[in-house]
């Protein structure tokens, strides 16, 4: 072990930020910028074209979204 000036981040820990202005959401992360809409428990991302619904309790439902191009 030892002291690290810059600790390593696990791959699942990414630096992302969401800015909200009413129903409009702007997502900024290492993959670039995307925008979406949200209302209550429903959200839609324009880049992935994915719908997400927050369900009661732990977990959520997510659509498949746009397929990646080969």
C-alpha atoms as a PDB file:
ATOM      1  CA  UNK A   1       0.000   0.000   0.000  1.00  0.00           C
ATOM      2  CA  UNK A   2       1.170   3.527   0.346  1.00  0.00           C
ATOM      3  CA  UNK A   3       0.134   7.067  -0.352  1.00  0.00           C
ATOM      4  CA  UNK A   4      -0.995   7.949  -3.862  1.00  0.00           C
ATOM      5  CA  UNK A   5      -1.136  11.502  -5.041  1.00  0.00           C
ATOM      6  CA  UNK A   6      -3.662  10.581  -7.746  1.00  0.00           C
ATOM      7  CA  UNK A   7      -5.756   7.618  -6.590  1.00  0.00           C
ATOM      8  CA  UNK A   8      -6.879   5.181  -9.234  1.00  0.00           C
ATOM      9  CA  UNK A   9     -10.568   5.143 -10.077  1.00  0.00           C
ATOM     10  CA  UNK A  10     -12.354   1.896 -10.606  1.00  0.00           C
ATOM     11  CA  UNK A  11     -13.639   1.664 -14.232  1.00  0.00           C
ATOM     12  CA  UNK A  12     -17.246   1.882 -13.069  1.00  0.00           C
ATOM     13  CA  UNK A  13     -16.573   5.214 -11.349  1.00  0.00           C
ATOM     14  CA  UNK A  14     -16.749   7.852 -14.045  1.00  0.00           C
ATOM     15  CA  UNK A  15     -16.786  11.601 -13.733  1.00  0.00           C
ATOM     16  CA  UNK A  16     -20.199  12.716 -14.996  1.00  0.00           C
ATOM     17  CA  UNK A  17     -22.368  15.720 -14.315  1.00  0.00           C
ATOM     18  CA  UNK A  18     -26.015  16.525 -15.123  1.00  0.00           C
ATOM     19  CA  UNK A  19     -27.258  20.096 -15.387  1.00  0.00           C
ATOM     20  CA  UNK A  20     -31.023  20.603 -15.139  1.00  0.00           C
ATOM     21  CA  UNK A  21     -33.160  23.494 -16.364  1.00  0.00           C
ATOM     22  CA  UNK A  22     -36.805  22.578 -15.971  1.00  0.00           C
ATOM     23  CA  UNK A  23     -37.507  19.436 -18.024  1.00  0.00           C
ATOM     24  CA  UNK A  24     -34.265  19.839 -20.038  1.00  0.00           C
ATOM     25  CA  UNK A  25     -31.196  17.919 -18.834  1.00  0.00           C
ATOM     26  CA  UNK A  26     -27.639  18.314 -20.091  1.00  0.00           C
ATOM     27  CA  UNK A  27     -25.320  15.349 -19.383  1.00  0.00           C
ATOM     28  CA  UNK A  28     -21.558  15.989 -19.476  1.00  0.00           C
ATOM     29  CA  UNK A  29     -19.098  13.105 -19.180  1.00  0.00           C
ATOM     30  CA  UNK A  30     -15.993  11.476 -20.617  1.00  0.00           C
ATOM     31  CA  UNK A  31     -17.941  10.338 -23.710  1.00  0.00           C
ATOM     32  CA  UNK A  32     -18.996  13.896 -24.566  1.00  0.00           C
ATOM     33  CA  UNK A  33     -22.178  15.862 -24.086  1.00  0.00           C
ATOM     34  CA  UNK A  34     -25.753  14.679 -24.510  1.00  0.00           C
ATOM     35  CA  UNK A  35     -29.116  16.143 -23.660  1.00  0.00           C
ATOM     36  CA  UNK A  36     -32.444  14.741 -22.626  1.00  0.00           C
ATOM     37  CA  UNK A  37     -35.864  15.414 -21.216  1.00  0.00           C
ATOM     38  CA  UNK A  38     -37.295  14.436 -17.876  1.00  0.00           C
ATOM     39  CA  UNK A  39     -40.676  14.657 -16.205  1.00  0.00           C
ATOM     40  CA  UNK A  40     -41.313  13.062 -12.830  1.00  0.00           C
ATOM     41  CA  UNK A  41     -40.075   9.485 -12.917  1.00  0.00           C
ATOM     42  CA  UNK A  42     -39.652   9.378 -16.721  1.00  0.00           C
ATOM     43  CA  UNK A  43     -36.513  10.470 -18.599  1.00  0.00           C
ATOM     44  CA  UNK A  44     -35.317  10.340 -22.228  1.00  0.00           C
ATOM     45  CA  UNK A  45     -31.759  10.728 -23.526  1.00  0.00           C
ATOM     46  CA  UNK A  46     -31.355  12.127 -27.044  1.00  0.00           C
ATOM     47  CA  UNK A  47     -27.902  10.613 -27.703  1.00  0.00           C
ATOM     48  CA  UNK A  48     -28.815   7.029 -26.797  1.00  0.00           C
ATOM     49  CA  UNK A  49     -32.545   7.483 -27.509  1.00  0.00           C
ATOM     50  CA  UNK A  50     -33.203   5.544 -24.345  1.00  0.00           C
ATOM     51  CA  UNK A  51     -36.239   5.883 -22.086  1.00  0.00           C
ATOM     52  CA  UNK A  52     -35.823   5.345 -18.345  1.00  0.00           C
ATOM     53  CA  UNK A  53     -38.579   5.018 -15.754  1.00  0.00           C
ATOM     54  CA  UNK A  54     -37.849   5.045 -12.032  1.00  0.00           C
ATOM     55  CA  UNK A  55     -39.814   2.229 -10.390  1.00  0.00           C
ATOM     56  CA  UNK A  56     -40.835   2.052  -6.726  1.00  0.00           C
ATOM     57  CA  UNK A  57     -38.109   0.564  -4.561  1.00  0.00           C
ATOM     58  CA  UNK A  58     -34.604  -0.216  -5.773  1.00  0.00           C
ATOM     59  CA  UNK A  59     -34.094  -0.491  -9.513  1.00  0.00           C
ATOM     60  CA  UNK A  60     -35.498   1.093 -12.671  1.00  0.00           C
ATOM     61  CA  UNK A  61     -36.777   0.167 -16.137  1.00  0.00           C
ATOM     62  CA  UNK A  62     -34.778   1.147 -19.208  1.00  0.00           C
ATOM     63  CA  UNK A  63     -35.597   0.743 -22.902  1.00  0.00           C
ATOM     64  CA  UNK A  64     -33.030  -0.678 -25.300  1.00  0.00           C
ATOM     65  CA  UNK A  65     -32.530   2.617 -27.091  1.00  0.00           C
ATOM     66  CA  UNK A  66     -30.705   3.101 -30.375  1.00  0.00           C
ATOM     67  CA  UNK A  67     -28.593   0.247 -31.653  1.00  0.00           C
ATOM     68  CA  UNK A  68     -24.888   0.984 -32.173  1.00  0.00           C
ATOM     69  CA  UNK A  69     -23.800   1.096 -35.799  1.00  0.00           C
ATOM     70  CA  UNK A  70     -21.452  -1.738 -36.867  1.00  0.00           C
END
